[in-house]
Amino acid sequence: MNASSLGTDWLARAAGEDPDATALVENDGTSLSYGRLDDFATREAQRIRDSGFEPGQVTLVPIGEVGGPLVVMLWGAWRARVVPMLIDHDSPLLAEWVSTLRQLSRQAPMPVAESPLHTVVLTSGSSGVPRAVRLTHDNVAAAVASSARQLGNTGDDRWLLTLPLFHVGGLSILWRSAAAGGSVVIHRSFRPRRVAAAIRAGEVSMASFVPTMLYRLLAVDPGPYSGMRAVLLGGAAANRELVERGLDAGLPILQTYGMTEACSQVATVLPGEAVESLGTAGRPLPGITIATGEAGVGEIVIDGPMVSPGYLGEPDRRGGHHTGDIGYVDDNGRLVVLGRVDDMVVTGGENVYPGRVAEVLSGYRNVEQVEVVGVPDPEWGQALVAIVVGEDISRADLEAWARERLSRHEVPKRWAFRQELPLQAGGKVDRAALDEIARGAQ
């Protein structure tokens, strides 16, 4: 059995249909056709086999800057049916994962899902130690097909890739574009002015951003823009004001909710529904089922063919995947995410969802970004802390403004003002660093 028979070698299919079509565009403007990329991947697959790697073998792959050679190596690994386990080459956990893989290789094989493994991807670890998610060929194929039905991307699209390939958000761009026969436009790092110039020049038609990227893009060039077909915004909560600024700038912002365990997307705003979907993550992708408990609001549990069977070294999951997020599906069938289960703050006996508080605070003038967390407090049990990014903001005025719009127990008791939020390599907020700031807030 080869990768093509498993239905995930979209590269081979695209090369067969139109070998001259552009597959990759590099930073310097050089491009690589599907035919050439397919040839390079075939040679790389043979090199991997000749090096002694066996089909199904999980191999740790440290990931640095995105570029053509890295993309060739990944397609070659998938074609050789070697399972790349992707990790940031600067990760302090690199040596630990090398040791873990060695230990697992000496253990007797444990029962695994029927579909062979395709890729192992680490979760972001923003709320703790990263976990190694097993993604099968069936998971990846289902996710790509479902995303295409939701977004409608085609071979004419040019998808900007600035996300790291050690996260599923970046990887999925390679898969989705190849499946549609479209182009991937690679920027080795996120440089807002260069991204703005690429959009203005019509070099890209689709992009995937985390909120921090969108914020920085609009800060250097507020638009207006034209010619973009979709800008997926996910990876972290985005406040309504930021999304509205993007829409006003002419960017077709499609908020999305996803995770590594689902090969990226779970729910995404449909093209053309951006305005009426504000405050939501859009509709579930075809094939995804979402449950939030009998009360309607509760932990989000997902299931479907794109959902991982489990984590490396652990038994397959039973039942749906418990995301650890709280939310509900509104009357229009759109998912509303309120925050993490373990982020809910109980202050003075009252339950508070930090995401709701942050959403309200983001509406105050000059507030550019805001995060809300809870810290231990001898009087209240937990005290709500707001960490605010913005210029010329008076704490007293902001607090008074918040009291007019929030319940008494929802108004933060402590405040911290910063020039920027602490971020991880992939652009997500660093929760551990955020907690440290919150503990020092007054």
Protein backbone atom coordinates (compact mmCIF):
# COMPACT_ATOMS: atom_id res chain seq x y z
CA MET A 1 0.00 0.00 0.00
CA ASN A 2 1.39 3.44 -0.93
CA ALA A 3 0.41 6.94 0.13
CA SER A 4 -1.64 7.47 -3.01
CA SER A 5 -3.84 4.49 -2.20
CA LEU A 6 -4.48 6.02 1.21
CA GLY A 7 -6.02 9.09 -0.41
CA THR A 8 -3.68 11.74 1.00
CA ASP A 9 -1.07 12.08 -1.75
CA TRP A 10 -2.76 15.12 -3.28
CA LEU A 11 0.63 16.19 -4.61
CA ALA A 12 0.73 13.23 -7.03
CA ARG A 13 -2.81 13.90 -8.19
CA ALA A 14 -2.17 17.63 -8.75
CA ALA A 15 1.04 16.86 -10.65
CA GLY A 16 -0.81 14.39 -12.85
CA GLU A 17 -3.63 16.80 -13.63
CA ASP A 18 -1.51 19.90 -14.32
CA PRO A 19 2.24 19.48 -13.82
CA ASP A 20 2.93 23.11 -14.84
CA ALA A 21 0.59 24.62 -12.24
CA THR A 22 2.36 26.56 -9.48
CA ALA A 23 2.62 24.65 -6.22
CA LEU A 24 4.93 26.88 -4.15
CA VAL A 25 6.02 30.51 -4.31
CA GLU A 26 9.05 31.38 -2.16
CA ASN A 27 9.99 34.61 -0.38
CA ASP A 28 12.27 35.71 -3.22
CA GLY A 29 9.54 35.20 -5.80
CA THR A 30 10.87 31.91 -7.20
CA SER A 31 8.26 29.25 -7.78
CA LEU A 32 8.02 25.49 -8.01
CA SER A 33 5.53 23.70 -10.23
CA TYR A 34 3.55 20.67 -9.12
CA GLY A 35 5.46 18.50 -11.56
CA ARG A 36 8.86 19.50 -10.15
CA LEU A 37 7.68 19.31 -6.54
CA ASP A 38 6.31 15.83 -7.23
CA ASP A 39 9.67 14.74 -8.71
CA PHE A 40 11.58 16.13 -5.72
CA ALA A 41 9.20 14.41 -3.29
CA THR A 42 9.66 11.07 -5.07
CA ARG A 43 13.45 11.36 -4.79
CA GLU A 44 13.17 12.39 -1.15
CA ALA A 45 10.93 9.42 -0.41
CA GLN A 46 13.52 7.08 -1.93
CA ARG A 47 16.30 8.75 0.08
CA ILE A 48 14.29 8.25 3.26
CA ARG A 49 13.73 4.56 2.47
CA ASP A 50 17.42 4.07 1.61
CA SER A 51 18.33 5.61 4.97
CA GLY A 52 16.62 2.71 6.73
CA PHE A 53 13.34 4.30 7.76
CA GLU A 54 10.40 1.92 7.69
CA PRO A 55 6.74 2.57 6.85
CA GLY A 56 4.82 3.54 9.95
CA GLN A 57 7.94 4.59 11.85
CA VAL A 58 7.46 7.74 13.90
CA THR A 59 10.43 10.06 13.39
CA LEU A 60 11.06 13.32 15.21
CA VAL A 61 11.50 16.21 12.77
CA PRO A 62 12.74 19.54 14.20
CA ILE A 63 11.15 22.39 12.23
CA GLY A 64 12.82 25.75 11.59
CA GLU A 65 11.92 28.33 8.96
CA VAL A 66 9.40 27.37 6.32
CA GLY A 67 10.85 26.93 2.83
CA GLY A 68 10.82 24.74 -0.26
CA PRO A 69 13.34 22.15 1.06
CA LEU A 70 11.26 21.61 4.20
CA VAL A 71 8.08 21.17 2.17
CA VAL A 72 9.84 18.66 -0.11
CA MET A 73 11.07 16.70 2.92
CA LEU A 74 7.56 16.49 4.38
CA TRP A 75 5.93 15.34 1.13
CA GLY A 76 8.74 12.81 0.72
CA ALA A 77 8.17 11.45 4.24
CA TRP A 78 4.43 11.12 3.68
CA ARG A 79 5.05 9.38 0.35
CA ALA A 80 7.48 6.97 2.02
CA ARG A 81 4.80 6.38 4.67
CA VAL A 82 7.19 7.50 7.39
CA VAL A 83 5.34 9.38 10.14
CA PRO A 84 6.92 12.78 10.88
CA MET A 85 6.53 14.03 14.45
CA LEU A 86 6.95 17.76 14.11
CA ILE A 87 8.52 19.98 16.77
CA ASP A 88 9.95 23.48 16.94
CA HIS A 89 13.72 23.17 16.55
CA ASP A 90 14.11 25.65 19.42
CA SER A 91 11.81 23.74 21.77
CA PRO A 92 13.32 23.05 25.22
CA LEU A 93 11.44 19.73 25.12
CA LEU A 94 13.31 18.42 22.07
CA ALA A 95 15.64 16.10 24.01
CA GLU A 96 12.76 14.89 26.17
CA TRP A 97 10.71 13.87 23.12
CA VAL A 98 13.71 12.07 21.61
CA SER A 99 13.91 10.02 24.81
CA THR A 100 10.16 9.39 24.78
CA LEU A 101 10.24 8.04 21.23
CA ARG A 102 13.10 5.71 22.10
CA GLN A 103 11.16 4.33 25.04
CA LEU A 104 8.03 3.83 22.96
CA SER A 105 10.01 2.02 20.26
CA ARG A 106 11.15 -0.56 22.84
CA GLN A 107 7.63 -1.24 24.08
CA ALA A 108 5.26 -3.78 22.60
CA PRO A 109 2.95 -2.15 20.06
CA MET A 110 -0.34 -1.11 21.58
CA PRO A 111 -3.68 -1.25 19.74
CA VAL A 112 -4.07 1.64 17.32
CA ALA A 113 -6.74 2.97 15.02
CA GLU A 114 -7.46 1.04 11.82
CA SER A 115 -6.13 3.81 9.58
CA PRO A 116 -2.31 4.11 9.41
CA LEU A 117 -0.66 7.10 11.03
CA HIS A 118 0.02 10.09 8.80
CA THR A 119 1.60 12.70 11.11
CA VAL A 120 2.16 13.34 14.81
CA VAL A 121 1.68 16.97 15.85
CA LEU A 122 2.28 18.50 19.25
CA THR A 123 -0.43 20.63 20.80
CA SER A 124 0.58 24.24 21.46
CA GLY A 125 1.05 23.62 25.17
CA SER A 126 -0.33 27.09 25.91
CA SER A 127 -2.05 25.78 29.03
CA GLY A 128 0.45 23.09 30.04
CA VAL A 129 2.83 20.44 28.65
CA PRO A 130 2.28 19.73 24.93
CA ARG A 131 0.77 16.36 23.98
CA ALA A 132 1.62 14.39 20.84
CA VAL A 133 -1.52 14.00 18.74
CA ARG A 134 -1.78 11.01 16.40
CA LEU A 135 -3.33 11.98 13.07
CA THR A 136 -4.21 9.15 10.72
CA HIS A 137 -4.51 9.20 6.93
CA ASP A 138 -8.29 8.99 7.35
CA ASN A 139 -8.25 11.96 9.77
CA VAL A 140 -6.25 14.13 7.38
CA ALA A 141 -8.29 13.16 4.31
CA ALA A 142 -11.58 13.85 6.09
CA ALA A 143 -10.37 17.20 7.43
CA VAL A 144 -9.21 18.41 4.02
CA ALA A 145 -12.42 17.36 2.29
CA SER A 146 -14.57 18.96 4.99
CA SER A 147 -12.61 22.22 4.91
CA ALA A 148 -12.97 22.42 1.12
CA ARG A 149 -16.73 22.06 1.40
CA GLN A 150 -16.85 24.86 3.99
CA LEU A 151 -14.45 27.29 2.29
CA GLY A 152 -14.76 26.40 -1.39
CA ASN A 153 -11.05 26.97 -2.14
CA THR A 154 -9.97 26.05 -5.66
CA GLY A 155 -6.91 25.71 -7.85
CA ASP A 156 -7.07 29.46 -8.50
CA ASP A 157 -6.41 30.31 -4.86
CA ARG A 158 -3.02 31.39 -3.53
CA TRP A 159 -2.84 30.63 0.19
CA LEU A 160 -0.39 32.65 2.29
CA LEU A 161 1.68 30.50 4.66
CA THR A 162 3.24 32.36 7.59
CA LEU A 163 2.25 29.92 10.34
CA PRO A 164 4.90 27.46 11.55
CA LEU A 165 4.74 23.93 10.17
CA PHE A 166 5.14 22.39 13.61
CA HIS A 167 1.52 23.43 14.25
CA VAL A 168 -1.43 21.91 12.45
CA GLY A 169 -2.63 25.32 11.26
CA GLY A 170 0.42 25.61 9.02
CA LEU A 171 0.44 21.98 7.90
CA SER A 172 -3.20 22.08 6.88
CA ILE A 173 -2.43 24.84 4.37
CA LEU A 174 -0.10 22.45 2.52
CA TRP A 175 -2.74 19.74 2.47
CA ARG A 176 -5.72 21.92 1.52
CA SER A 177 -3.87 23.72 -1.27
CA ALA A 178 -2.49 20.54 -2.84
CA ALA A 179 -5.92 18.87 -2.69
CA ALA A 180 -7.39 21.79 -4.64
CA GLY A 181 -4.38 22.22 -6.94
CA GLY A 182 -3.80 25.75 -5.61
CA SER A 183 -0.60 27.59 -4.71
CA VAL A 184 1.09 28.07 -1.35
CA VAL A 185 2.80 31.44 -1.00
CA ILE A 186 5.54 31.06 1.60
CA HIS A 187 6.69 33.85 3.88
CA ARG A 188 9.46 32.49 6.09
CA SER A 189 8.30 34.68 8.97
CA PHE A 190 5.42 37.02 9.64
CA ARG A 191 6.42 40.54 8.68
CA PRO A 192 3.33 42.76 8.69
CA ARG A 193 4.53 45.23 6.05
CA ARG A 194 5.52 42.45 3.67
CA VAL A 195 2.17 40.70 4.21
CA ALA A 196 0.31 43.97 3.59
CA ALA A 197 2.29 44.50 0.39
CA ALA A 198 1.54 40.95 -0.79
CA ILE A 199 -2.18 41.46 -0.27
CA ARG A 200 -2.15 44.83 -2.03
CA ALA A 201 -0.20 43.37 -4.96
CA GLY A 202 -2.72 40.54 -5.38
CA GLU A 203 -0.10 37.90 -4.61
CA VAL A 204 -2.44 36.00 -2.27
CA SER A 205 -6.17 35.32 -2.13
CA MET A 206 -6.38 33.41 1.16
CA ALA A 207 -4.56 33.60 4.48
CA SER A 208 -4.61 32.05 7.94
CA PHE A 209 -3.84 34.33 10.89
CA VAL A 210 -3.91 34.24 14.66
CA PRO A 211 -5.40 37.43 16.17
CA THR A 212 -1.98 38.91 16.98
CA MET A 213 -1.04 38.74 13.29
CA LEU A 214 -4.21 40.54 12.24
CA TYR A 215 -3.65 43.17 14.92
CA ARG A 216 -0.08 43.82 13.73
CA LEU A 217 -1.12 43.88 10.08
CA LEU A 218 -3.77 46.54 10.69
CA ALA A 219 -1.35 48.51 12.88
CA VAL A 220 1.14 48.98 10.02
CA ASP A 221 -1.44 49.26 7.22
CA PRO A 222 -5.09 49.78 8.19
CA GLY A 223 -6.24 49.32 4.59
CA PRO A 224 -8.49 49.38 2.75
CA TYR A 225 -7.64 46.08 1.09
CA SER A 226 -9.26 44.29 -1.81
CA GLY A 227 -8.95 41.01 -3.69
CA MET A 228 -8.81 38.62 -0.73
CA ARG A 229 -11.34 35.78 -0.78
CA ALA A 230 -10.93 34.56 2.80
CA VAL A 231 -8.86 35.30 5.90
CA LEU A 232 -9.19 32.54 8.48
CA LEU A 233 -8.77 33.90 12.00
CA GLY A 234 -8.23 31.34 14.75
CA GLY A 235 -5.75 29.82 17.15
CA ALA A 236 -6.90 32.09 19.97
CA ALA A 237 -9.87 34.22 20.95
CA ALA A 238 -10.28 37.38 18.87
CA ASN A 239 -12.23 40.29 20.28
CA ARG A 240 -15.14 41.65 18.31
CA GLU A 241 -13.55 45.07 17.82
CA LEU A 242 -10.50 43.55 16.08
CA VAL A 243 -12.69 41.49 13.74
CA GLU A 244 -14.80 44.54 12.91
CA ARG A 245 -11.65 46.54 12.13
CA GLY A 246 -10.54 43.80 9.76
CA LEU A 247 -13.91 43.69 8.02
CA ASP A 248 -14.00 47.48 7.73
CA ALA A 249 -10.54 47.28 6.11
CA GLY A 250 -11.95 45.05 3.39
CA LEU A 251 -10.53 41.78 4.71
CA PRO A 252 -13.06 38.90 4.56
CA ILE A 253 -12.42 37.69 8.12
CA LEU A 254 -13.77 34.20 8.79
CA GLN A 255 -13.44 33.35 12.45
CA THR A 256 -12.63 29.72 13.06
CA TYR A 257 -12.38 27.36 16.02
CA GLY A 258 -10.09 24.39 15.75
CA MET A 259 -7.49 22.24 17.42
CA THR A 260 -4.72 19.79 16.68
CA GLU A 261 -6.94 16.87 17.68
CA ALA A 262 -9.29 17.68 14.79
CA CYS A 263 -6.63 18.30 12.10
CA SER A 264 -7.29 22.04 12.53
CA GLN A 265 -10.84 23.26 11.81
CA VAL A 266 -13.89 22.34 13.89
CA ALA A 267 -16.15 25.28 13.06
CA THR A 268 -15.66 28.19 10.67
CA VAL A 269 -17.72 31.17 9.56
CA LEU A 270 -19.05 30.60 6.07
CA PRO A 271 -17.91 32.95 3.30
CA GLY A 272 -20.47 35.73 3.03
CA GLU A 273 -21.68 35.36 6.64
CA ALA A 274 -18.94 37.32 8.42
CA VAL A 275 -21.10 40.17 9.70
CA GLU A 276 -24.03 38.13 10.97
CA SER A 277 -21.59 35.64 12.55
CA LEU A 278 -19.75 38.20 14.70
CA GLY A 279 -19.11 36.85 18.18
CA THR A 280 -19.22 33.23 17.00
CA ALA A 281 -16.84 30.68 15.50
CA GLY A 282 -19.31 29.92 12.73
CA ARG A 283 -20.93 26.65 11.79
CA PRO A 284 -19.45 23.19 12.41
CA LEU A 285 -17.66 21.73 9.40
CA PRO A 286 -19.45 18.96 7.49
CA GLY A 287 -18.91 15.67 9.31
CA ILE A 288 -18.19 17.26 12.70
CA THR A 289 -20.65 16.75 15.53
CA ILE A 290 -20.61 19.12 18.50
CA ALA A 291 -22.24 18.53 21.89
CA THR A 292 -22.26 20.95 24.80
CA GLY A 293 -24.30 19.07 27.38
CA GLU A 294 -27.99 18.86 28.22
CA ALA A 295 -28.06 22.38 29.68
CA GLY A 296 -26.97 23.83 26.35
CA VAL A 297 -23.90 25.52 27.78
CA GLY A 298 -21.06 23.25 28.79
CA GLU A 299 -17.86 21.55 27.70
CA ILE A 300 -17.54 21.28 23.93
CA VAL A 301 -17.26 17.63 22.87
CA ILE A 302 -16.50 16.90 19.22
CA ASP A 303 -16.53 13.79 17.07
CA GLY A 304 -16.17 12.87 13.43
CA PRO A 305 -13.79 11.19 10.98
CA MET A 306 -11.24 14.03 11.23
CA VAL A 307 -10.88 13.70 15.02
CA SER A 308 -7.69 12.00 16.22
CA PRO A 309 -7.89 8.54 17.80
CA GLY A 310 -5.69 9.76 20.66
CA TYR A 311 -2.19 10.65 21.79
CA LEU A 312 1.13 8.97 21.15
CA GLY A 313 1.76 6.18 23.62
CA GLU A 314 -1.84 6.17 24.85
CA PRO A 315 -4.83 3.95 24.02
CA ASP A 316 -7.37 5.05 21.44
CA ARG A 317 -10.06 7.36 22.74
CA ARG A 318 -13.56 6.12 23.39
CA GLY A 319 -16.42 8.40 22.46
CA GLY A 320 -16.07 12.03 21.51
CA HIS A 321 -13.06 14.22 22.18
CA HIS A 322 -13.48 16.46 25.23
CA THR A 323 -11.94 19.76 24.18
CA GLY A 324 -11.68 21.42 27.59
CA ASP A 325 -13.50 24.47 26.16
CA ILE A 326 -16.87 25.79 27.27
CA GLY A 327 -19.45 26.99 24.79
CA TYR A 328 -22.82 26.51 23.14
CA VAL A 329 -24.46 26.34 19.72
CA ASP A 330 -26.74 29.33 19.14
CA ASP A 331 -30.17 29.31 17.51
CA ASN A 332 -28.58 29.80 14.08
CA GLY A 333 -26.36 26.73 14.42
CA ARG A 334 -23.18 28.70 15.10
CA LEU A 335 -20.70 27.78 17.80
CA VAL A 336 -19.99 30.29 20.56
CA VAL A 337 -16.85 29.59 22.60
CA LEU A 338 -16.81 31.11 26.08
CA GLY A 339 -13.37 29.97 27.22
CA ARG A 340 -11.58 27.06 28.86
CA VAL A 341 -13.22 24.84 31.45
CA ASP A 342 -10.28 25.42 33.77
CA ASP A 343 -10.26 29.16 32.99
CA MET A 344 -13.65 29.75 34.61
CA VAL A 345 -13.10 31.92 37.65
CA VAL A 346 -15.11 31.49 40.84
CA THR A 347 -14.88 34.81 42.67
CA GLY A 348 -16.90 35.47 45.81
CA GLY A 349 -18.99 32.39 45.01
CA GLU A 350 -19.91 33.65 41.53
CA ASN A 351 -18.90 31.96 38.25
CA VAL A 352 -17.23 34.26 35.72
CA TYR A 353 -16.21 33.46 32.14
CA PRO A 354 -13.04 35.51 31.45
CA GLY A 355 -13.72 35.52 27.71
CA ARG A 356 -16.94 37.45 28.16
CA VAL A 357 -15.21 40.03 30.37
CA ALA A 358 -12.37 40.43 27.85
CA GLU A 359 -14.89 40.88 25.04
CA VAL A 360 -16.57 43.75 26.89
CA LEU A 361 -13.30 45.43 27.90
CA SER A 362 -12.06 45.32 24.31
CA GLY A 363 -14.81 47.76 23.39
CA TYR A 364 -13.23 50.58 25.43
CA ARG A 365 -11.39 53.26 23.46
CA ASN A 366 -7.67 52.68 22.97
CA VAL A 367 -7.83 49.08 24.23
CA GLU A 368 -5.92 47.14 21.58
CA GLN A 369 -5.74 43.72 23.25
CA VAL A 370 -6.92 42.34 26.56
CA GLU A 371 -6.74 39.04 28.42
CA VAL A 372 -8.56 38.21 31.65
CA VAL A 373 -7.45 35.53 34.12
CA GLY A 374 -8.05 34.53 37.72
CA VAL A 375 -5.46 34.38 40.51
CA PRO A 376 -5.77 32.98 44.07
CA ASP A 377 -7.06 35.53 46.56
CA PRO A 378 -7.57 35.10 50.34
CA GLU A 379 -10.76 37.20 50.38
CA TRP A 380 -12.48 36.26 47.14
CA GLY A 381 -11.12 32.76 46.54
CA GLN A 382 -10.07 33.98 43.10
CA ALA A 383 -9.61 37.54 41.94
CA LEU A 384 -10.21 38.59 38.36
CA VAL A 385 -7.21 40.25 36.67
CA ALA A 386 -7.32 42.18 33.39
CA ILE A 387 -4.10 42.48 31.38
CA VAL A 388 -4.55 45.34 28.94
CA VAL A 389 -2.56 46.51 25.92
CA GLY A 390 -3.18 50.09 24.81
CA GLU A 391 -1.98 53.67 25.09
CA ASP A 392 -3.29 56.54 27.21
CA ILE A 393 -5.71 54.39 29.20
CA SER A 394 -6.74 55.51 32.66
CA ARG A 395 -7.35 52.59 34.98
CA ALA A 396 -9.99 54.55 36.88
CA ASP A 397 -11.86 55.47 33.70
CA LEU A 398 -11.67 51.94 32.31
CA GLU A 399 -12.86 50.44 35.57
CA ALA A 400 -15.78 52.89 35.78
CA TRP A 401 -16.67 52.09 32.16
CA ALA A 402 -16.58 48.36 32.94
CA ARG A 403 -18.91 48.78 35.93
CA GLU A 404 -21.56 50.20 33.63
CA ARG A 405 -21.47 47.12 31.39
CA LEU A 406 -20.61 44.17 33.62
CA SER A 407 -22.10 42.61 36.71
CA ARG A 408 -20.33 43.59 39.91
CA HIS A 409 -18.60 40.21 40.25
CA GLU A 410 -17.37 40.40 36.62
CA VAL A 411 -15.43 43.64 37.05
CA PRO A 412 -11.70 42.87 37.43
CA LYS A 413 -10.28 43.58 40.87
CA ARG A 414 -6.72 43.93 39.61
CA TRP A 415 -5.23 45.44 36.46
CA ALA A 416 -1.97 45.21 34.56
CA PHE A 417 -1.06 47.41 31.59
CA ARG A 418 1.50 46.24 29.04
CA GLN A 419 2.87 47.29 25.66
CA GLU A 420 2.23 43.80 24.28
CA LEU A 421 1.06 40.35 25.35
CA PRO A 422 3.54 37.49 25.83
CA LEU A 423 3.42 35.14 22.84
CA GLN A 424 4.59 31.67 21.89
CA ALA A 425 6.43 30.92 18.66
CA GLY A 426 3.18 30.23 16.78
CA GLY A 427 1.66 33.57 17.78
CA LYS A 428 -0.64 32.28 20.51
CA VAL A 429 -0.70 33.94 23.91
CA ASP A 430 1.72 32.34 26.37
CA ARG A 431 -0.64 31.38 29.20
CA ALA A 432 2.12 30.62 31.70
CA ALA A 433 3.71 34.05 31.18
CA LEU A 434 0.26 35.64 31.35
CA ASP A 435 -0.40 34.01 34.72
CA GLU A 436 2.90 35.34 36.04
CA ILE A 437 1.95 38.87 35.00
CA ALA A 438 -1.46 38.44 36.62
CA ARG A 439 0.02 37.34 39.94
CA GLY A 440 2.01 40.58 40.07
CA ALA A 441 -0.91 42.83 39.14
CA GLN A 442 -2.31 45.43 41.55
